[in-house]
Amino acid sequence: MQAPEASSTTDGAGPAAAGLLPAGLGQQMGQQWQAGEATYLAGMAQVFALLRGERNTYPGHYAAVRSVYLTYLQRPAHNKQQKVCLENTGVD
């Protein structure tokens, strides 16, 4: 079995020069690829911008929840003790 001959695409002319694609099709496909790539990159930029916005809202939300929780912990201790006493006596 003979080894396949080297393709003429190694000279940088591409598949169209080698006769693999009809004339003009390679250029059209290249333009479509570039348009698709530009759309993809624009979409990814938008997605990452939205993710950055979400990430920036977390610290504020965390601080608010922490503040509410600290206020909850600082409530009078007699409320906690009263609940424990009621639980021990079986009174609802």
Protein backbone atom coordinates (compact mmCIF):
# COMPACT_ATOMS: atom_id res chain seq x y z
CA MET A 1 0.00 0.00 0.00
CA GLN A 2 1.36 3.38 -0.95
CA ALA A 3 1.39 6.36 1.40
CA PRO A 4 -0.99 9.13 0.37
CA GLU A 5 0.65 12.02 -1.38
CA ALA A 6 1.11 15.24 0.51
CA SER A 7 -1.75 17.63 0.07
CA SER A 8 -1.16 20.90 -1.71
CA THR A 9 -2.78 22.70 1.25
CA THR A 10 0.53 22.78 3.09
CA ASP A 11 1.57 25.81 1.07
CA GLY A 12 -0.98 27.94 2.94
CA ALA A 13 -3.34 28.33 0.01
CA GLY A 14 -6.11 26.42 1.76
CA PRO A 15 -8.63 23.82 0.59
CA ALA A 16 -10.08 26.03 -2.15
CA ALA A 17 -6.73 26.22 -3.94
CA ALA A 18 -6.43 22.44 -3.73
CA GLY A 19 -9.75 22.10 -5.54
CA LEU A 20 -11.60 20.75 -2.51
CA LEU A 21 -14.17 23.57 -2.41
CA PRO A 22 -15.98 25.37 -5.19
CA ALA A 23 -14.68 28.84 -5.97
CA GLY A 24 -15.91 31.48 -3.53
CA LEU A 25 -17.30 28.98 -1.02
CA GLY A 26 -14.23 29.14 1.22
CA GLN A 27 -14.41 32.92 1.39
CA GLN A 28 -18.14 32.81 2.17
CA MET A 29 -17.61 30.20 4.87
CA GLY A 30 -14.82 32.32 6.36
CA GLN A 31 -17.11 35.34 6.53
CA GLN A 32 -19.85 33.28 8.17
CA TRP A 33 -17.35 31.92 10.67
CA GLN A 34 -16.16 35.42 11.54
CA ALA A 35 -19.75 36.64 11.98
CA GLY A 36 -20.59 33.66 14.19
CA GLU A 37 -17.44 34.13 16.22
CA ALA A 38 -18.18 37.84 16.72
CA THR A 39 -21.73 37.03 17.87
CA TYR A 40 -20.46 34.37 20.24
CA LEU A 41 -17.85 36.68 21.76
CA ALA A 42 -20.39 39.49 22.19
CA GLY A 43 -22.78 37.08 23.90
CA MET A 44 -20.07 35.80 26.22
CA ALA A 45 -19.09 39.36 27.12
CA GLN A 46 -22.71 40.08 28.02
CA VAL A 47 -23.00 36.91 30.12
CA PHE A 48 -19.80 37.65 32.02
CA ALA A 49 -20.95 41.23 32.63
CA LEU A 50 -24.18 39.90 34.15
CA LEU A 51 -22.22 37.45 36.30
CA ARG A 52 -20.03 40.30 37.56
CA GLY A 53 -23.15 42.24 38.46
CA GLU A 54 -24.54 39.28 40.41
CA ARG A 55 -21.23 38.76 42.17
CA ASN A 56 -21.19 42.41 43.22
CA THR A 57 -24.62 42.14 44.85
CA TYR A 58 -23.61 39.29 47.19
CA PRO A 59 -21.58 41.32 49.71
CA GLY A 60 -24.46 43.74 50.28
CA HIS A 61 -26.95 40.93 50.70
CA TYR A 62 -24.63 39.07 53.06
CA ALA A 63 -24.10 42.21 55.16
CA ALA A 64 -27.86 42.77 55.44
CA VAL A 65 -28.54 39.18 56.49
CA ARG A 66 -25.69 39.32 59.00
CA SER A 67 -27.04 42.55 60.48
CA VAL A 68 -30.52 41.08 60.92
CA TYR A 69 -29.08 37.95 62.50
CA LEU A 70 -26.94 39.94 64.94
CA THR A 71 -30.02 41.93 65.94
CA TYR A 72 -31.85 38.65 66.48
CA LEU A 73 -29.07 37.37 68.71
CA GLN A 74 -29.15 40.54 70.82
CA ARG A 75 -32.80 40.21 71.79
CA PRO A 76 -33.55 39.90 75.50
CA ALA A 77 -32.43 36.64 77.05
CA HIS A 78 -35.57 36.33 79.18
CA ASN A 79 -37.56 35.41 76.04
CA LYS A 80 -35.21 32.51 75.45
CA GLN A 81 -35.37 31.38 79.10
CA GLN A 82 -39.16 31.58 79.18
CA LYS A 83 -39.43 29.36 76.14
CA VAL A 84 -37.09 26.80 77.73
CA CYS A 85 -39.17 26.79 80.92
CA LEU A 86 -42.38 26.24 78.96
CA GLU A 87 -40.81 23.38 77.07
CA ASN A 88 -39.70 21.71 80.31
CA THR A 89 -43.19 21.95 81.88
CA GLY A 90 -44.99 20.70 78.81
CA VAL A 91 -47.08 23.90 78.55
CA ASP A 92 -47.67 25.20 75.03
